[in-house]
PDB file of all heavy atoms in Angstrom:
ATOM      1  N   TRP A   1       1.029  -7.812  -7.144  1.00  0.00           N
ATOM      2  CA  TRP A   1       1.294  -6.495  -6.567  1.00  0.00           C
ATOM      3  C   TRP A   1       0.266  -6.112  -5.541  1.00  0.00           C
ATOM      4  O   TRP A   1       0.565  -5.733  -4.420  1.00  0.00           O
ATOM      5  CB  TRP A   1       1.314  -5.492  -7.711  1.00  0.00           C
ATOM      6  CG  TRP A   1       1.571  -4.099  -7.267  1.00  0.00           C
ATOM      7  CD1 TRP A   1       0.670  -3.123  -7.016  1.00  0.00           C
ATOM      8  CD2 TRP A   1       2.852  -3.541  -6.987  1.00  0.00           C
ATOM      9  NE1 TRP A   1       1.305  -1.972  -6.622  1.00  0.00           N
ATOM     10  CE2 TRP A   1       2.640  -2.204  -6.589  1.00  0.00           C
ATOM     11  CE3 TRP A   1       4.157  -4.014  -7.038  1.00  0.00           C
ATOM     12  CZ2 TRP A   1       3.678  -1.365  -6.266  1.00  0.00           C
ATOM     13  CZ3 TRP A   1       5.185  -3.180  -6.718  1.00  0.00           C
ATOM     14  CH2 TRP A   1       4.934  -1.860  -6.320  1.00  0.00           C
ATOM     15  N   LEU A   2      -1.028  -6.224  -5.893  1.00  0.00           N
ATOM     16  CA  LEU A   2      -2.069  -5.758  -5.005  1.00  0.00           C
ATOM     17  C   LEU A   2      -2.103  -6.550  -3.713  1.00  0.00           C
ATOM     18  O   LEU A   2      -2.312  -5.992  -2.635  1.00  0.00           O
ATOM     19  CB  LEU A   2      -3.434  -5.850  -5.711  1.00  0.00           C
ATOM     20  CG  LEU A   2      -4.641  -5.363  -4.872  1.00  0.00           C
ATOM     21  CD1 LEU A   2      -4.452  -3.918  -4.469  1.00  0.00           C
ATOM     22  CD2 LEU A   2      -5.922  -5.538  -5.667  1.00  0.00           C
ATOM     23  N   SER A   3      -1.837  -7.858  -3.815  1.00  0.00           N
ATOM     24  CA  SER A   3      -1.902  -8.701  -2.616  1.00  0.00           C
ATOM     25  C   SER A   3      -0.820  -8.340  -1.628  1.00  0.00           C
ATOM     26  O   SER A   3      -1.042  -8.260  -0.426  1.00  0.00           O
ATOM     27  CB  SER A   3      -1.801 -10.164  -2.994  1.00  0.00           C
ATOM     28  OG  SER A   3      -1.849 -10.954  -1.838  1.00  0.00           O
ATOM     29  N   VAL A   4       0.413  -8.105  -2.140  1.00  0.00           N
ATOM     30  CA  VAL A   4       1.510  -7.771  -1.212  1.00  0.00           C
ATOM     31  C   VAL A   4       1.221  -6.431  -0.533  1.00  0.00           C
ATOM     32  O   VAL A   4       1.419  -6.265   0.662  1.00  0.00           O
ATOM     33  CB  VAL A   4       2.840  -7.708  -1.990  1.00  0.00           C
ATOM     34  CG1 VAL A   4       3.956  -7.246  -1.072  1.00  0.00           C
ATOM     35  CG2 VAL A   4       3.139  -9.083  -2.554  1.00  0.00           C
ATOM     36  N   ILE A   5       0.725  -5.448  -1.314  1.00  0.00           N
ATOM     37  CA  ILE A   5       0.417  -4.147  -0.737  1.00  0.00           C
ATOM     38  C   ILE A   5      -0.676  -4.274   0.318  1.00  0.00           C
ATOM     39  O   ILE A   5      -0.610  -3.715   1.405  1.00  0.00           O
ATOM     40  CB  ILE A   5      -0.052  -3.178  -1.837  1.00  0.00           C
ATOM     41  CG1 ILE A   5       1.083  -2.946  -2.840  1.00  0.00           C
ATOM     42  CG2 ILE A   5      -0.474  -1.842  -1.224  1.00  0.00           C
ATOM     43  CD1 ILE A   5       2.296  -2.312  -2.259  1.00  0.00           C
ATOM     44  N   THR A   6      -1.701  -5.075  -0.023  1.00  0.00           N
ATOM     45  CA  THR A   6      -2.819  -5.236   0.920  1.00  0.00           C
ATOM     46  C   THR A   6      -2.375  -5.884   2.207  1.00  0.00           C
ATOM     47  O   THR A   6      -2.785  -5.488   3.298  1.00  0.00           O
ATOM     48  CB  THR A   6      -3.938  -6.084   0.274  1.00  0.00           C
ATOM     49  OG1 THR A   6      -4.320  -5.488  -0.959  1.00  0.00           O
ATOM     50  CG2 THR A   6      -5.139  -6.163   1.178  1.00  0.00           C
ATOM     51  N   ASN A   7      -1.497  -6.905   2.092  1.00  0.00           N
ATOM     52  CA  ASN A   7      -0.983  -7.527   3.302  1.00  0.00           C
ATOM     53  C   ASN A   7      -0.161  -6.558   4.132  1.00  0.00           C
ATOM     54  O   ASN A   7      -0.169  -6.570   5.365  1.00  0.00           O
ATOM     55  CB  ASN A   7      -0.125  -8.749   2.918  1.00  0.00           C
ATOM     56  CG  ASN A   7      -0.993  -9.912   2.500  1.00  0.00           C
ATOM     57  OD1 ASN A   7      -2.106 -10.048   2.956  1.00  0.00           O
ATOM     58  ND2 ASN A   7      -0.474 -10.749   1.626  1.00  0.00           N
ATOM     59  N   PHE A   8       0.604  -5.726   3.429  1.00  0.00           N
ATOM     60  CA  PHE A   8       1.435  -4.750   4.115  1.00  0.00           C
ATOM     61  C   PHE A   8       0.596  -3.752   4.893  1.00  0.00           C
ATOM     62  O   PHE A   8       0.916  -3.364   6.004  1.00  0.00           O
ATOM     63  CB  PHE A   8       2.313  -4.039   3.078  1.00  0.00           C
ATOM     64  CG  PHE A   8       3.164  -2.934   3.665  1.00  0.00           C
ATOM     65  CD1 PHE A   8       4.238  -3.234   4.487  1.00  0.00           C
ATOM     66  CD2 PHE A   8       2.900  -1.615   3.386  1.00  0.00           C
ATOM     67  CE1 PHE A   8       5.021  -2.242   5.014  1.00  0.00           C
ATOM     68  CE2 PHE A   8       3.674  -0.622   3.907  1.00  0.00           C
ATOM     69  CZ  PHE A   8       4.747  -0.921   4.728  1.00  0.00           C
ATOM     70  N   LEU A   9      -0.501  -3.349   4.292  1.00  0.00           N
ATOM     71  CA  LEU A   9      -1.386  -2.367   4.951  1.00  0.00           C
ATOM     72  C   LEU A   9      -2.550  -3.083   5.595  1.00  0.00           C
ATOM     73  O   LEU A   9      -3.661  -3.118   5.088  1.00  0.00           O
ATOM     74  CB  LEU A   9      -1.898  -1.353   3.917  1.00  0.00           C
ATOM     75  CG  LEU A   9      -0.811  -0.522   3.219  1.00  0.00           C
ATOM     76  CD1 LEU A   9      -1.409   0.307   2.131  1.00  0.00           C
ATOM     77  CD2 LEU A   9      -0.124   0.349   4.221  1.00  0.00           C
ATOM     78  N   SER A  10      -2.282  -3.737   6.716  1.00  0.00           N
ATOM     79  CA  SER A  10      -3.333  -4.473   7.412  1.00  0.00           C
ATOM     80  C   SER A  10      -3.945  -3.622   8.504  1.00  0.00           C
ATOM     81  O   SER A  10      -3.796  -2.412   8.519  1.00  0.00           O
ATOM     82  CB  SER A  10      -2.751  -5.776   7.971  1.00  0.00           C
ATOM     83  OG  SER A  10      -1.672  -5.475   8.808  1.00  0.00           O
ATOM     84  N   ASP A  11      -4.625  -4.304   9.435  1.00  0.00           N
ATOM     85  CA  ASP A  11      -5.253  -3.650  10.573  1.00  0.00           C
ATOM     86  C   ASP A  11      -6.350  -2.658  10.138  1.00  0.00           C
ATOM     87  O   ASP A  11      -6.358  -1.501  10.529  1.00  0.00           O
ATOM     88  CB  ASP A  11      -4.202  -2.921  11.410  1.00  0.00           C
ATOM     89  CG  ASP A  11      -4.743  -2.536  12.785  1.00  0.00           C
ATOM     90  OD1 ASP A  11      -5.739  -3.159  13.229  1.00  0.00           O
ATOM     91  OD2 ASP A  11      -4.175  -1.604  13.382  1.00  0.00           O
ATOM     92  N   ASN A  12      -7.274  -3.148   9.337  1.00  0.00           N
ATOM     93  CA  ASN A  12      -8.460  -2.401   8.925  1.00  0.00           C
ATOM     94  C   ASN A  12      -8.151  -1.123   8.164  1.00  0.00           C
ATOM     95  O   ASN A  12      -8.835  -0.107   8.278  1.00  0.00           O
ATOM     96  CB  ASN A  12      -9.320  -2.040  10.143  1.00  0.00           C
ATOM     97  CG  ASN A  12      -9.795  -3.257  10.891  1.00  0.00           C
ATOM     98  OD1 ASN A  12     -10.251  -4.215  10.269  1.00  0.00           O
ATOM     99  ND2 ASN A  12      -9.681  -3.234  12.208  1.00  0.00           N
ATOM    100  N   ILE A  13      -7.132  -1.140   7.345  1.00  0.00           N
ATOM    101  CA  ILE A  13      -6.789   0.059   6.595  1.00  0.00           C
ATOM    102  C   ILE A  13      -7.816   0.343   5.520  1.00  0.00           C
ATOM    103  O   ILE A  13      -8.342  -0.567   4.912  1.00  0.00           O
ATOM    104  CB  ILE A  13      -5.381  -0.075   5.985  1.00  0.00           C
ATOM    105  CG1 ILE A  13      -4.921   1.241   5.398  1.00  0.00           C
ATOM    106  CG2 ILE A  13      -5.360  -1.149   4.913  1.00  0.00           C
ATOM    107  CD1 ILE A  13      -3.453   1.287   5.114  1.00  0.00           C
ATOM    108  N   GLY A  14      -8.088   1.588   5.266  1.00  0.00           N
ATOM    109  CA  GLY A  14      -9.076   1.984   4.270  1.00  0.00           C
ATOM    110  C   GLY A  14      -8.468   2.101   2.886  1.00  0.00           C
ATOM    111  O   GLY A  14      -7.248   2.210   2.727  1.00  0.00           O
ATOM    112  N   TRP A  15      -9.354   2.144   1.904  1.00  0.00           N
ATOM    113  CA  TRP A  15      -8.869   2.215   0.502  1.00  0.00           C
ATOM    114  C   TRP A  15      -8.153   3.532   0.246  1.00  0.00           C
ATOM    115  O   TRP A  15      -7.213   3.576  -0.562  1.00  0.00           O
ATOM    116  CB  TRP A  15     -10.049   2.057  -0.446  1.00  0.00           C
ATOM    117  CG  TRP A  15     -10.509   0.656  -0.535  1.00  0.00           C
ATOM    118  CD1 TRP A  15     -11.633   0.107  -0.019  1.00  0.00           C
ATOM    119  CD2 TRP A  15      -9.823  -0.434  -1.176  1.00  0.00           C
ATOM    120  NE1 TRP A  15     -11.700  -1.229  -0.279  1.00  0.00           N
ATOM    121  CE2 TRP A  15     -10.586  -1.606  -1.005  1.00  0.00           C
ATOM    122  CE3 TRP A  15      -8.619  -0.540  -1.873  1.00  0.00           C
ATOM    123  CZ2 TRP A  15     -10.233  -2.829  -1.507  1.00  0.00           C
ATOM    124  CZ3 TRP A  15      -8.252  -1.772  -2.383  1.00  0.00           C
ATOM    125  CH2 TRP A  15      -9.040  -2.904  -2.186  1.00  0.00           C
ATOM    126  N   VAL A  16      -8.576   4.594   0.908  1.00  0.00           N
ATOM    127  CA  VAL A  16      -7.914   5.889   0.660  1.00  0.00           C
ATOM    128  C   VAL A  16      -6.451   5.802   1.061  1.00  0.00           C
ATOM    129  O   VAL A  16      -5.571   6.250   0.331  1.00  0.00           O
ATOM    130  CB  VAL A  16      -8.623   7.011   1.434  1.00  0.00           C
ATOM    131  CG1 VAL A  16      -7.858   8.311   1.298  1.00  0.00           C
ATOM    132  CG2 VAL A  16     -10.054   7.191   0.911  1.00  0.00           C
ATOM    133  N   ALA A  17      -6.214   5.218   2.250  1.00  0.00           N
ATOM    134  CA  ALA A  17      -4.823   5.097   2.705  1.00  0.00           C
ATOM    135  C   ALA A  17      -4.031   4.186   1.791  1.00  0.00           C
ATOM    136  O   ALA A  17      -2.857   4.406   1.552  1.00  0.00           O
ATOM    137  CB  ALA A  17      -4.795   4.563   4.124  1.00  0.00           C
ATOM    138  N   LEU A  18      -4.668   3.146   1.280  1.00  0.00           N
ATOM    139  CA  LEU A  18      -3.989   2.242   0.357  1.00  0.00           C
ATOM    140  C   LEU A  18      -3.531   2.969  -0.895  1.00  0.00           C
ATOM    141  O   LEU A  18      -2.399   2.822  -1.358  1.00  0.00           O
ATOM    142  CB  LEU A  18      -4.922   1.094  -0.017  1.00  0.00           C
ATOM    143  CG  LEU A  18      -4.407   0.097  -1.059  1.00  0.00           C
ATOM    144  CD1 LEU A  18      -3.123  -0.551  -0.579  1.00  0.00           C
ATOM    145  CD2 LEU A  18      -5.455  -0.937  -1.359  1.00  0.00           C
ATOM    146  N   ILE A  19      -4.417   3.801  -1.435  1.00  0.00           N
ATOM    147  CA  ILE A  19      -4.081   4.548  -2.647  1.00  0.00           C
ATOM    148  C   ILE A  19      -2.952   5.536  -2.370  1.00  0.00           C
ATOM    149  O   ILE A  19      -1.999   5.681  -3.151  1.00  0.00           O
ATOM    150  CB  ILE A  19      -5.329   5.276  -3.184  1.00  0.00           C
ATOM    151  CG1 ILE A  19      -6.369   4.240  -3.661  1.00  0.00           C
ATOM    152  CG2 ILE A  19      -4.970   6.200  -4.322  1.00  0.00           C
ATOM    153  CD1 ILE A  19      -7.700   4.840  -4.019  1.00  0.00           C
ATOM    154  N   VAL A  20      -3.059   6.232  -1.219  1.00  0.00           N
ATOM    155  CA  VAL A  20      -2.004   7.178  -0.845  1.00  0.00           C
ATOM    156  C   VAL A  20      -0.679   6.481  -0.743  1.00  0.00           C
ATOM    157  O   VAL A  20       0.352   6.952  -1.226  1.00  0.00           O
ATOM    158  CB  VAL A  20      -2.368   7.870   0.487  1.00  0.00           C
ATOM    159  CG1 VAL A  20      -1.181   8.652   1.037  1.00  0.00           C
ATOM    160  CG2 VAL A  20      -3.567   8.787   0.290  1.00  0.00           C
ATOM    161  N   PHE A  21      -0.692   5.307  -0.097  1.00  0.00           N
ATOM    162  CA  PHE A  21       0.543   4.535   0.080  1.00  0.00           C
ATOM    163  C   PHE A  21       1.135   4.148  -1.259  1.00  0.00           C
ATOM    164  O   PHE A  21       2.333   4.290  -1.496  1.00  0.00           O
ATOM    165  CB  PHE A  21       0.236   3.297   0.915  1.00  0.00           C
ATOM    166  CG  PHE A  21       1.470   2.474   1.194  1.00  0.00           C
ATOM    167  CD1 PHE A  21       2.311   2.784   2.245  1.00  0.00           C
ATOM    168  CD2 PHE A  21       1.781   1.380   0.393  1.00  0.00           C
ATOM    169  CE1 PHE A  21       3.430   2.028   2.495  1.00  0.00           C
ATOM    170  CE2 PHE A  21       2.905   0.633   0.640  1.00  0.00           C
ATOM    171  CZ  PHE A  21       3.730   0.968   1.697  1.00  0.00           C
ATOM    172  N   MET A  22       0.301   3.633  -2.146  1.00  0.00           N
ATOM    173  CA  MET A  22       0.809   3.153  -3.448  1.00  0.00           C
ATOM    174  C   MET A  22       1.384   4.293  -4.285  1.00  0.00           C
ATOM    175  O   MET A  22       2.385   4.138  -4.962  1.00  0.00           O
ATOM    176  CB  MET A  22      -0.330   2.456  -4.215  1.00  0.00           C
ATOM    177  CG  MET A  22      -0.799   1.154  -3.588  1.00  0.00           C
ATOM    178  SD  MET A  22      -2.188   0.429  -4.457  1.00  0.00           S
ATOM    179  CE  MET A  22      -1.409   0.004  -6.010  1.00  0.00           C
ATOM    180  N   VAL A  23       0.718   5.457  -4.208  1.00  0.00           N
ATOM    181  CA  VAL A  23       1.164   6.594  -5.018  1.00  0.00           C
ATOM    182  C   VAL A  23       2.410   7.240  -4.465  1.00  0.00           C
ATOM    183  O   VAL A  23       3.404   7.471  -5.149  1.00  0.00           O
ATOM    184  CB  VAL A  23       0.038   7.610  -5.181  1.00  0.00           C
ATOM    185  CG1 VAL A  23       0.548   8.860  -5.878  1.00  0.00           C
ATOM    186  CG2 VAL A  23      -1.112   7.020  -5.970  1.00  0.00           C
ATOM    187  N   LEU A  24       2.363   7.518  -3.161  1.00  0.00           N
ATOM    188  CA  LEU A  24       3.449   8.297  -2.554  1.00  0.00           C
ATOM    189  C   LEU A  24       4.697   7.506  -2.236  1.00  0.00           C
ATOM    190  O   LEU A  24       5.778   8.038  -2.147  1.00  0.00           O
ATOM    191  CB  LEU A  24       2.928   8.974  -1.280  1.00  0.00           C
ATOM    192  CG  LEU A  24       1.785   9.987  -1.493  1.00  0.00           C
ATOM    193  CD1 LEU A  24       1.366  10.561  -0.148  1.00  0.00           C
ATOM    194  CD2 LEU A  24       2.228  11.109  -2.421  1.00  0.00           C
ATOM    195  N   PHE A  25       4.511   6.183  -2.064  1.00  0.00           N
ATOM    196  CA  PHE A  25       5.607   5.363  -1.575  1.00  0.00           C
ATOM    197  C   PHE A  25       6.062   4.352  -2.586  1.00  0.00           C
ATOM    198  O   PHE A  25       6.804   3.440  -2.295  1.00  0.00           O
ATOM    199  CB  PHE A  25       5.161   4.673  -0.269  1.00  0.00           C
ATOM    200  CG  PHE A  25       6.284   4.252   0.621  1.00  0.00           C
ATOM    201  CD1 PHE A  25       7.347   5.108   0.896  1.00  0.00           C
ATOM    202  CD2 PHE A  25       6.294   2.984   1.174  1.00  0.00           C
ATOM    203  CE1 PHE A  25       8.365   4.701   1.720  1.00  0.00           C
ATOM    204  CE2 PHE A  25       7.331   2.578   2.009  1.00  0.00           C
ATOM    205  CZ  PHE A  25       8.362   3.437   2.285  1.00  0.00           C
ATOM    206  N   ARG A  26       5.638   4.512  -3.823  1.00  0.00           N
ATOM    207  CA  ARG A  26       5.884   3.465  -4.807  1.00  0.00           C
ATOM    208  C   ARG A  26       7.354   3.331  -5.166  1.00  0.00           C
ATOM    209  O   ARG A  26       7.814   2.243  -5.518  1.00  0.00           O
ATOM    210  CB  ARG A  26       5.075   3.744  -6.078  1.00  0.00           C
ATOM    211  CG  ARG A  26       5.425   5.020  -6.810  1.00  0.00           C
ATOM    212  CD  ARG A  26       4.500   5.202  -8.034  1.00  0.00           C
ATOM    213  NE  ARG A  26       4.826   6.375  -8.803  1.00  0.00           N
ATOM    214  CZ  ARG A  26       4.378   7.585  -8.527  1.00  0.00           C
ATOM    215  NH1 ARG A  26       3.563   7.756  -7.482  1.00  0.00           N
ATOM    216  NH2 ARG A  26       4.713   8.627  -9.261  1.00  0.00           N
ATOM    217  N   ASP A  27       8.127   4.420  -5.112  1.00  0.00           N
ATOM    218  CA  ASP A  27       9.535   4.338  -5.510  1.00  0.00           C
ATOM    219  C   ASP A  27      10.336   3.437  -4.571  1.00  0.00           C
ATOM    220  O   ASP A  27      11.131   2.612  -4.999  1.00  0.00           O
ATOM    221  CB  ASP A  27      10.165   5.735  -5.526  1.00  0.00           C
ATOM    222  CG  ASP A  27       9.585   6.596  -6.642  1.00  0.00           C
ATOM    223  OD1 ASP A  27       9.100   6.002  -7.625  1.00  0.00           O
ATOM    224  OD2 ASP A  27       9.623   7.816  -6.507  1.00  0.00           O
ATOM    225  N   ALA A  28      10.098   3.625  -3.286  1.00  0.00           N
ATOM    226  CA  ALA A  28      10.849   2.797  -2.312  1.00  0.00           C
ATOM    227  C   ALA A  28      10.248   1.425  -2.168  1.00  0.00           C
ATOM    228  O   ALA A  28      10.897   0.508  -1.698  1.00  0.00           O
ATOM    229  CB  ALA A  28      10.857   3.496  -0.945  1.00  0.00           C
ATOM    230  N   LEU A  29       9.001   1.285  -2.613  1.00  0.00           N
ATOM    231  CA  LEU A  29       8.297   0.041  -2.345  1.00  0.00           C
ATOM    232  C   LEU A  29       8.881  -1.154  -3.074  1.00  0.00           C
ATOM    233  O   LEU A  29       8.940  -2.241  -2.545  1.00  0.00           O
ATOM    234  CB  LEU A  29       6.809   0.201  -2.740  1.00  0.00           C
ATOM    235  CG  LEU A  29       5.906  -0.973  -2.390  1.00  0.00           C
ATOM    236  CD1 LEU A  29       5.962  -1.229  -0.895  1.00  0.00           C
ATOM    237  CD2 LEU A  29       4.487  -0.679  -2.843  1.00  0.00           C
ATOM    238  N   SER A  30       9.356  -0.952  -4.306  1.00  0.00           N
ATOM    239  CA  SER A  30       9.860  -2.090  -5.062  1.00  0.00           C
ATOM    240  C   SER A  30      11.058  -2.731  -4.368  1.00  0.00           C
ATOM    241  O   SER A  30      11.164  -3.945  -4.262  1.00  0.00           O
ATOM    242  CB  SER A  30      10.256  -1.663  -6.478  1.00  0.00           C
ATOM    243  OG  SER A  30      11.253  -0.666  -6.424  1.00  0.00           O
ATOM    244  N   ASP A  31      11.969  -1.888  -3.852  1.00  0.00           N
ATOM    245  CA  ASP A  31      13.100  -2.427  -3.108  1.00  0.00           C
ATOM    246  C   ASP A  31      12.645  -3.021  -1.769  1.00  0.00           C
ATOM    247  O   ASP A  31      13.131  -4.035  -1.328  1.00  0.00           O
ATOM    248  CB  ASP A  31      14.150  -1.329  -2.845  1.00  0.00           C
ATOM    249  CG  ASP A  31      14.876  -0.940  -4.118  1.00  0.00           C
ATOM    250  OD1 ASP A  31      14.933  -1.790  -5.026  1.00  0.00           O
ATOM    251  OD2 ASP A  31      15.386   0.192  -4.165  1.00  0.00           O
TER     252      ASP A  31
END
């Protein structure tokens, strides 16, 4: 899970944005 998310959020993305993405976008993310 973490690797796919990390690859998706490239280009020097910060951990805060990663957490926001995982929390707010998790429903659509699985599909």
